[in-house]
Amino acid sequence: MRKLFVCAVALVAIALAIGGASAGPLPALTTAPTNFTCSFVDSSVQCTWDALTGATKYSVDVVANYTLADGLTTASVDFDFGTALTSVTIPLSAFPTDVNQDTLTDTLNSLVLRVKGLNPPGKKEYNQATPFSSTIICTGGSCGPAI
């Protein structure tokens, strides 16, 4: 019984060592931007957040939710907006009106937004594996935190 226990402990130790080694290096930024807020202004969504120490760029992730022209089907499309500032203005015209490309007009229902810091920008060495901020949902002319 003791040999089985020692073998089990050894296997767990090996699995943890291999798992940690294969996870890759830690990203340069390990925290998310704070105080992320968004609001509708004219025909745009304006978002702001606090500067994140070490971030040289920010990526605002937006999931646009649509009702397709048939009125029954929904679709979600992911967009990213990059900036070196701690704010971004996203015109609603940036979101296509025919997401499934069937030549019929689809209806934009809501936007789900979040932001993360990047340093350095790029996709090598886990630079983009940084945490996102809290989530904001914009719908019906107003924006608020996701619950």
N, C-alpha and C. Protein backbone atom coordinates (compact mmCIF):
# COMPACT_ATOMS: atom_id res chain seq x y z
N MET A 1 0.81 -1.18 0.00
CA MET A 1 0.00 0.00 0.00
C MET A 1 0.87 1.26 0.00
N ARG A 2 1.98 1.17 0.73
CA ARG A 2 2.87 2.32 0.82
C ARG A 2 3.51 2.61 -0.54
N LYS A 3 3.87 1.57 -1.29
CA LYS A 3 4.46 1.76 -2.62
C LYS A 3 3.47 2.42 -3.57
N LEU A 4 2.20 2.07 -3.46
CA LEU A 4 1.16 2.68 -4.29
C LEU A 4 1.03 4.17 -3.97
N PHE A 5 1.10 4.51 -2.68
CA PHE A 5 1.01 5.91 -2.26
C PHE A 5 2.20 6.70 -2.81
N VAL A 6 3.41 6.17 -2.67
CA VAL A 6 4.62 6.83 -3.17
C VAL A 6 4.55 7.00 -4.68
N CYS A 7 4.06 6.00 -5.37
CA CYS A 7 3.92 6.07 -6.83
C CYS A 7 2.92 7.15 -7.22
N ALA A 8 1.79 7.22 -6.51
CA ALA A 8 0.77 8.23 -6.80
C ALA A 8 1.31 9.63 -6.57
N VAL A 9 2.03 9.84 -5.48
CA VAL A 9 2.62 11.14 -5.18
C VAL A 9 3.63 11.52 -6.26
N ALA A 10 4.43 10.57 -6.69
CA ALA A 10 5.42 10.83 -7.74
C ALA A 10 4.73 11.23 -9.05
N LEU A 11 3.67 10.52 -9.41
CA LEU A 11 2.94 10.85 -10.64
C LEU A 11 2.33 12.25 -10.57
N VAL A 12 1.76 12.61 -9.44
CA VAL A 12 1.18 13.95 -9.28
C VAL A 12 2.27 15.01 -9.39
N ALA A 13 3.43 14.78 -8.77
CA ALA A 13 4.54 15.73 -8.83
C ALA A 13 5.02 15.91 -10.27
N ILE A 14 5.13 14.82 -11.00
CA ILE A 14 5.55 14.90 -12.40
C ILE A 14 4.52 15.65 -13.23
N ALA A 15 3.25 15.35 -13.02
CA ALA A 15 2.20 16.04 -13.77
C ALA A 15 2.22 17.54 -13.50
N LEU A 16 2.41 17.93 -12.26
CA LEU A 16 2.47 19.36 -11.93
C LEU A 16 3.69 20.02 -12.55
N ALA A 17 4.82 19.34 -12.54
CA ALA A 17 6.03 19.90 -13.12
C ALA A 17 5.89 20.06 -14.63
N ILE A 18 5.35 19.06 -15.29
CA ILE A 18 5.17 19.12 -16.74
C ILE A 18 4.12 20.17 -17.09
N GLY A 19 3.02 20.21 -16.35
CA GLY A 19 1.95 21.17 -16.62
C GLY A 19 2.45 22.59 -16.48
N GLY A 20 3.23 22.89 -15.44
CA GLY A 20 3.77 24.22 -15.25
C GLY A 20 4.77 24.59 -16.34
N ALA A 21 5.57 23.63 -16.76
CA ALA A 21 6.57 23.91 -17.80
C ALA A 21 5.92 24.12 -19.15
N SER A 22 4.83 23.45 -19.43
CA SER A 22 4.20 23.59 -20.75
C SER A 22 3.23 24.75 -20.82
N ALA A 23 2.96 25.41 -19.69
CA ALA A 23 2.02 26.52 -19.69
C ALA A 23 2.63 27.76 -20.33
N GLY A 24 3.92 27.83 -20.48
CA GLY A 24 4.57 28.97 -21.09
C GLY A 24 4.92 30.03 -20.06
N PRO A 25 5.62 31.07 -20.50
CA PRO A 25 6.03 32.12 -19.58
C PRO A 25 4.82 32.96 -19.14
N LEU A 26 4.98 33.62 -18.03
CA LEU A 26 3.93 34.52 -17.59
C LEU A 26 3.88 35.73 -18.51
N PRO A 27 2.69 36.30 -18.72
CA PRO A 27 2.61 37.51 -19.53
C PRO A 27 3.27 38.68 -18.80
N ALA A 28 3.64 39.72 -19.55
CA ALA A 28 4.29 40.88 -18.96
C ALA A 28 3.35 41.59 -17.98
N LEU A 29 2.05 41.56 -18.25
CA LEU A 29 1.06 42.20 -17.39
C LEU A 29 0.18 41.13 -16.77
N THR A 30 0.04 41.17 -15.46
CA THR A 30 -0.76 40.15 -14.79
C THR A 30 -2.02 40.71 -14.14
N THR A 31 -2.27 42.00 -14.34
CA THR A 31 -3.51 42.60 -13.83
C THR A 31 -4.26 43.26 -14.98
N ALA A 32 -5.53 43.50 -14.77
CA ALA A 32 -6.38 44.11 -15.79
C ALA A 32 -6.55 45.60 -15.50
N PRO A 33 -6.86 46.38 -16.53
CA PRO A 33 -7.18 47.79 -16.29
C PRO A 33 -8.40 47.91 -15.37
N THR A 34 -8.42 48.95 -14.56
CA THR A 34 -9.53 49.16 -13.62
C THR A 34 -10.38 50.36 -14.05
N ASN A 35 -11.53 50.50 -13.42
CA ASN A 35 -12.47 51.59 -13.67
C ASN A 35 -12.88 51.70 -15.13
N PHE A 36 -13.15 50.57 -15.74
CA PHE A 36 -13.59 50.52 -17.14
C PHE A 36 -15.06 50.94 -17.20
N THR A 37 -15.34 51.98 -17.96
CA THR A 37 -16.71 52.46 -18.14
C THR A 37 -16.95 52.78 -19.60
N CYS A 38 -18.20 52.67 -20.02
CA CYS A 38 -18.59 53.00 -21.39
C CYS A 38 -19.92 53.73 -21.36
N SER A 39 -20.16 54.56 -22.38
CA SER A 39 -21.44 55.24 -22.51
C SER A 39 -21.69 55.57 -23.98
N PHE A 40 -22.96 55.70 -24.32
CA PHE A 40 -23.34 56.13 -25.66
C PHE A 40 -23.18 57.64 -25.75
N VAL A 41 -22.52 58.12 -26.79
CA VAL A 41 -22.41 59.54 -27.07
C VAL A 41 -22.64 59.70 -28.56
N ASP A 42 -23.73 60.41 -28.89
CA ASP A 42 -24.13 60.56 -30.29
C ASP A 42 -24.29 59.17 -30.91
N SER A 43 -23.59 58.89 -31.98
CA SER A 43 -23.70 57.59 -32.66
C SER A 43 -22.46 56.74 -32.40
N SER A 44 -21.94 56.85 -31.17
CA SER A 44 -20.72 56.13 -30.80
C SER A 44 -20.83 55.59 -29.38
N VAL A 45 -19.94 54.67 -29.07
CA VAL A 45 -19.76 54.22 -27.70
C VAL A 45 -18.37 54.69 -27.28
N GLN A 46 -18.33 55.45 -26.18
CA GLN A 46 -17.06 55.94 -25.66
C GLN A 46 -16.72 55.17 -24.39
N CYS A 47 -15.48 54.67 -24.34
CA CYS A 47 -15.03 53.90 -23.17
C CYS A 47 -13.76 54.53 -22.62
N THR A 48 -13.63 54.49 -21.29
CA THR A 48 -12.42 54.96 -20.62
C THR A 48 -12.04 53.96 -19.54
N TRP A 49 -10.77 54.01 -19.12
CA TRP A 49 -10.26 53.16 -18.05
C TRP A 49 -9.01 53.81 -17.49
N ASP A 50 -8.59 53.35 -16.32
CA ASP A 50 -7.37 53.85 -15.71
C ASP A 50 -6.15 53.26 -16.39
N ALA A 51 -5.08 54.05 -16.44
CA ALA A 51 -3.83 53.57 -17.03
C ALA A 51 -3.32 52.38 -16.22
N LEU A 52 -2.76 51.42 -16.92
CA LEU A 52 -2.21 50.22 -16.30
C LEU A 52 -0.68 50.31 -16.37
N THR A 53 -0.03 50.26 -15.24
CA THR A 53 1.42 50.35 -15.19
C THR A 53 2.04 49.28 -16.08
N GLY A 54 2.89 49.70 -17.00
CA GLY A 54 3.58 48.78 -17.89
C GLY A 54 2.89 48.56 -19.23
N ALA A 55 1.65 48.97 -19.37
CA ALA A 55 0.94 48.78 -20.64
C ALA A 55 1.39 49.82 -21.65
N THR A 56 1.70 49.38 -22.85
CA THR A 56 2.07 50.29 -23.92
C THR A 56 0.96 50.42 -24.95
N LYS A 57 -0.04 49.55 -24.83
CA LYS A 57 -1.17 49.55 -25.74
C LYS A 57 -2.33 48.85 -25.02
N TYR A 58 -3.54 49.13 -25.48
CA TYR A 58 -4.72 48.48 -24.93
C TYR A 58 -5.53 47.88 -26.07
N SER A 59 -6.23 46.81 -25.77
CA SER A 59 -7.11 46.17 -26.74
C SER A 59 -8.50 46.10 -26.14
N VAL A 60 -9.46 46.76 -26.81
CA VAL A 60 -10.85 46.71 -26.37
C VAL A 60 -11.53 45.62 -27.19
N ASP A 61 -12.01 44.60 -26.50
CA ASP A 61 -12.70 43.47 -27.12
C ASP A 61 -14.19 43.76 -27.09
N VAL A 62 -14.85 43.65 -28.24
CA VAL A 62 -16.28 43.93 -28.34
C VAL A 62 -16.97 42.73 -29.00
N VAL A 63 -17.98 42.20 -28.34
CA VAL A 63 -18.84 41.19 -28.94
C VAL A 63 -20.14 41.90 -29.31
N ALA A 64 -20.42 41.95 -30.60
CA ALA A 64 -21.63 42.58 -31.11
C ALA A 64 -22.69 41.50 -31.30
N ASN A 65 -23.84 41.69 -30.69
CA ASN A 65 -24.94 40.73 -30.77
C ASN A 65 -26.03 41.26 -31.70
N TYR A 66 -26.45 40.43 -32.63
CA TYR A 66 -27.40 40.82 -33.67
C TYR A 66 -28.62 39.91 -33.68
N THR A 67 -29.72 40.45 -34.18
CA THR A 67 -30.85 39.65 -34.64
C THR A 67 -30.78 39.72 -36.15
N LEU A 68 -30.76 38.56 -36.79
CA LEU A 68 -30.65 38.53 -38.24
C LEU A 68 -31.97 38.95 -38.88
N ALA A 69 -31.92 39.22 -40.16
CA ALA A 69 -33.06 39.78 -40.88
C ALA A 69 -34.31 38.91 -40.80
N ASP A 70 -34.17 37.61 -40.59
CA ASP A 70 -35.36 36.75 -40.49
C ASP A 70 -36.14 36.99 -39.20
N GLY A 71 -35.53 37.73 -38.26
CA GLY A 71 -36.19 38.05 -37.01
C GLY A 71 -36.18 36.94 -35.98
N LEU A 72 -35.68 35.78 -36.34
CA LEU A 72 -35.68 34.62 -35.44
C LEU A 72 -34.29 34.20 -34.99
N THR A 73 -33.32 34.44 -35.83
CA THR A 73 -31.97 33.96 -35.61
C THR A 73 -31.10 35.06 -35.02
N THR A 74 -30.22 34.67 -34.09
CA THR A 74 -29.27 35.63 -33.54
C THR A 74 -27.85 35.24 -33.94
N ALA A 75 -26.97 36.22 -33.90
CA ALA A 75 -25.56 35.98 -34.22
C ALA A 75 -24.71 36.92 -33.37
N SER A 76 -23.51 36.48 -33.05
CA SER A 76 -22.54 37.30 -32.32
C SER A 76 -21.25 37.35 -33.12
N VAL A 77 -20.66 38.54 -33.17
CA VAL A 77 -19.43 38.74 -33.92
C VAL A 77 -18.44 39.47 -33.02
N ASP A 78 -17.17 39.02 -33.01
CA ASP A 78 -16.14 39.60 -32.16
C ASP A 78 -15.32 40.62 -32.93
N PHE A 79 -15.08 41.79 -32.29
CA PHE A 79 -14.26 42.85 -32.88
C PHE A 79 -13.24 43.28 -31.83
N ASP A 80 -12.08 43.76 -32.29
CA ASP A 80 -11.05 44.29 -31.40
C ASP A 80 -10.66 45.68 -31.87
N PHE A 81 -10.53 46.60 -30.92
CA PHE A 81 -10.11 47.95 -31.22
C PHE A 81 -8.88 48.26 -30.37
N GLY A 82 -7.77 48.58 -31.02
CA GLY A 82 -6.52 48.85 -30.31
C GLY A 82 -6.26 50.33 -30.19
N THR A 83 -5.62 50.72 -29.08
CA THR A 83 -5.26 52.12 -28.86
C THR A 83 -4.11 52.21 -27.86
N ALA A 84 -3.34 53.26 -27.97
CA ALA A 84 -2.29 53.52 -26.99
C ALA A 84 -2.82 54.42 -25.87
N LEU A 85 -4.02 54.94 -26.01
CA LEU A 85 -4.65 55.84 -25.04
C LEU A 85 -5.43 55.05 -23.99
N THR A 86 -5.95 55.73 -22.99
CA THR A 86 -6.80 55.09 -21.99
C THR A 86 -8.27 55.41 -22.26
N SER A 87 -8.58 55.58 -23.52
CA SER A 87 -9.96 55.79 -23.94
C SER A 87 -10.08 55.41 -25.41
N VAL A 88 -11.31 55.13 -25.81
CA VAL A 88 -11.57 54.82 -27.21
C VAL A 88 -13.00 55.25 -27.54
N THR A 89 -13.19 55.76 -28.73
CA THR A 89 -14.52 56.08 -29.23
C THR A 89 -14.77 55.15 -30.41
N ILE A 90 -15.81 54.34 -30.29
CA ILE A 90 -16.13 53.36 -31.33
C ILE A 90 -17.44 53.77 -31.98
N PRO A 91 -17.38 54.22 -33.24
CA PRO A 91 -18.63 54.60 -33.92
C PRO A 91 -19.49 53.36 -34.18
N LEU A 92 -20.79 53.49 -34.01
CA LEU A 92 -21.67 52.36 -34.29
C LEU A 92 -21.58 51.93 -35.75
N SER A 93 -21.16 52.85 -36.62
CA SER A 93 -20.99 52.51 -38.04
C SER A 93 -19.83 51.53 -38.25
N ALA A 94 -19.00 51.29 -37.22
CA ALA A 94 -17.91 50.31 -37.32
C ALA A 94 -18.43 48.88 -37.34
N PHE A 95 -19.70 48.71 -36.95
CA PHE A 95 -20.28 47.38 -36.92
C PHE A 95 -21.13 47.16 -38.16
N PRO A 96 -20.89 46.08 -38.90
CA PRO A 96 -21.60 45.86 -40.16
C PRO A 96 -23.10 45.69 -39.95
N THR A 97 -23.85 46.03 -40.97
CA THR A 97 -25.31 45.88 -40.90
C THR A 97 -25.78 44.57 -41.53
N ASP A 98 -24.87 43.84 -42.15
CA ASP A 98 -25.21 42.54 -42.74
C ASP A 98 -24.14 41.52 -42.33
N VAL A 99 -24.24 41.04 -41.08
CA VAL A 99 -23.18 40.19 -40.54
C VAL A 99 -23.09 38.82 -41.19
N ASN A 100 -24.19 38.30 -41.70
CA ASN A 100 -24.14 36.99 -42.34
C ASN A 100 -24.06 37.08 -43.86
N GLN A 101 -23.91 38.27 -44.37
CA GLN A 101 -23.68 38.54 -45.79
C GLN A 101 -24.72 37.91 -46.70
N ASP A 102 -26.00 38.05 -46.28
CA ASP A 102 -27.08 37.55 -47.14
C ASP A 102 -27.79 38.68 -47.87
N THR A 103 -27.19 39.87 -47.85
CA THR A 103 -27.69 41.11 -48.47
C THR A 103 -28.90 41.70 -47.76
N LEU A 104 -29.31 41.15 -46.63
CA LEU A 104 -30.43 41.69 -45.85
C LEU A 104 -29.86 42.38 -44.60
N THR A 105 -30.54 43.42 -44.15
CA THR A 105 -30.08 44.20 -43.00
C THR A 105 -30.38 43.49 -41.69
N ASP A 106 -29.34 43.30 -40.89
CA ASP A 106 -29.46 42.69 -39.57
C ASP A 106 -29.51 43.81 -38.52
N THR A 107 -30.04 43.51 -37.34
CA THR A 107 -30.22 44.51 -36.29
C THR A 107 -29.20 44.30 -35.18
N LEU A 108 -28.42 45.35 -34.90
CA LEU A 108 -27.47 45.32 -33.79
C LEU A 108 -28.25 45.51 -32.49
N ASN A 109 -28.19 44.52 -31.58
CA ASN A 109 -28.95 44.57 -30.33
C ASN A 109 -28.14 45.06 -29.15
N SER A 110 -26.91 44.59 -29.03
CA SER A 110 -26.11 44.95 -27.86
C SER A 110 -24.63 44.78 -28.16
N LEU A 111 -23.83 45.44 -27.31
CA LEU A 111 -22.38 45.32 -27.37
C LEU A 111 -21.89 44.89 -25.99
N VAL A 112 -20.99 43.92 -25.97
CA VAL A 112 -20.38 43.46 -24.73
C VAL A 112 -18.90 43.84 -24.84
N LEU A 113 -18.43 44.70 -23.93
CA LEU A 113 -17.09 45.28 -24.04
C LEU A 113 -16.23 44.97 -22.82
N ARG A 114 -14.93 44.84 -23.05
CA ARG A 114 -13.93 44.69 -21.99
C ARG A 114 -12.60 45.13 -22.57
N VAL A 115 -11.64 45.43 -21.72
CA VAL A 115 -10.33 45.93 -22.17
C VAL A 115 -9.22 45.19 -21.45
N LYS A 116 -8.07 45.07 -22.12
CA LYS A 116 -6.88 44.51 -21.48
C LYS A 116 -5.67 45.31 -21.93
N GLY A 117 -4.65 45.33 -21.09
CA GLY A 117 -3.40 45.99 -21.41
C GLY A 117 -2.46 45.05 -22.12
N LEU A 118 -1.61 45.61 -22.96
CA LEU A 118 -0.63 44.82 -23.70
C LEU A 118 0.76 45.44 -23.50
N ASN A 119 1.76 44.59 -23.37
CA ASN A 119 3.14 45.05 -23.31
C ASN A 119 4.06 43.86 -23.51
N PRO A 120 4.88 43.86 -24.50
CA PRO A 120 4.77 44.72 -25.67
C PRO A 120 3.65 44.23 -26.57
N PRO A 121 3.19 45.09 -27.47
CA PRO A 121 2.17 44.61 -28.41
C PRO A 121 2.71 43.46 -29.25
N GLY A 122 1.88 42.60 -29.67
CA GLY A 122 2.28 41.46 -30.49
C GLY A 122 1.75 40.18 -29.91
N LYS A 123 1.99 39.09 -30.61
CA LYS A 123 1.43 37.81 -30.18
C LYS A 123 2.49 36.82 -29.72
N LYS A 124 3.76 37.20 -29.69
CA LYS A 124 4.78 36.26 -29.26
C LYS A 124 4.98 36.35 -27.76
N GLU A 125 5.50 35.34 -27.18
CA GLU A 125 5.85 35.27 -25.77
C GLU A 125 4.68 35.60 -24.84
N TYR A 126 3.48 35.18 -25.19
CA TYR A 126 2.30 35.34 -24.35
C TYR A 126 1.97 36.80 -24.02
N ASN A 127 2.36 37.76 -24.88
CA ASN A 127 2.10 39.17 -24.62
C ASN A 127 0.61 39.45 -24.53
N GLN A 128 -0.22 38.67 -25.23
CA GLN A 128 -1.65 38.94 -25.23
C GLN A 128 -2.41 38.07 -24.24
N ALA A 129 -1.74 37.27 -23.47
CA ALA A 129 -2.39 36.41 -22.49
C ALA A 129 -2.56 37.17 -21.18
N THR A 130 -3.03 38.40 -21.29
CA THR A 130 -3.21 39.25 -20.12
C THR A 130 -4.69 39.28 -19.74
N PRO A 131 -4.99 39.57 -18.49
CA PRO A 131 -6.40 39.52 -18.05
C PRO A 131 -7.22 40.70 -18.56
N PHE A 132 -8.50 40.45 -18.75
CA PHE A 132 -9.45 41.48 -19.16
C PHE A 132 -10.03 42.18 -17.94
N SER A 133 -10.51 43.38 -18.17
CA SER A 133 -11.21 44.16 -17.15
C SER A 133 -12.59 43.56 -16.91
N SER A 134 -13.34 44.23 -16.07
CA SER A 134 -14.74 43.87 -15.89
C SER A 134 -15.47 44.10 -17.22
N THR A 135 -16.64 43.52 -17.36
CA THR A 135 -17.40 43.57 -18.61
C THR A 135 -18.51 44.62 -18.53
N ILE A 136 -18.67 45.36 -19.62
CA ILE A 136 -19.74 46.36 -19.75
C ILE A 136 -20.66 45.90 -20.88
N ILE A 137 -21.96 46.03 -20.68
CA ILE A 137 -22.94 45.71 -21.72
C ILE A 137 -23.66 46.99 -22.11
N CYS A 138 -23.68 47.29 -23.40
CA CYS A 138 -24.38 48.45 -23.93
C CYS A 138 -25.56 47.97 -24.76
N THR A 139 -26.74 48.44 -24.40
CA THR A 139 -27.96 48.08 -25.13
C THR A 139 -29.02 49.14 -24.89
N GLY A 140 -29.86 49.37 -25.87
CA GLY A 140 -30.97 50.29 -25.70
C GLY A 140 -30.57 51.71 -25.34
N GLY A 141 -29.40 52.16 -25.75
CA GLY A 141 -28.97 53.53 -25.49
C GLY A 141 -28.27 53.74 -24.17
N SER A 142 -28.02 52.68 -23.38
CA SER A 142 -27.29 52.86 -22.13
C SER A 142 -26.30 51.71 -21.94
N CYS A 143 -25.32 51.96 -21.10
CA CYS A 143 -24.28 50.97 -20.82
C CYS A 143 -24.18 50.76 -19.32
N GLY A 144 -23.86 49.55 -18.93
CA GLY A 144 -23.69 49.25 -17.51
C GLY A 144 -22.92 47.97 -17.32
N PRO A 145 -22.48 47.74 -16.08
CA PRO A 145 -21.69 46.53 -15.81
C PRO A 145 -22.53 45.27 -16.00
N ALA A 146 -21.86 44.24 -16.48
CA ALA A 146 -22.50 42.93 -16.60
C ALA A 146 -22.69 42.37 -15.20
N ILE A 147 -23.81 41.75 -14.99
CA ILE A 147 -24.08 41.19 -13.66
C ILE A 147 -24.01 39.67 -13.72
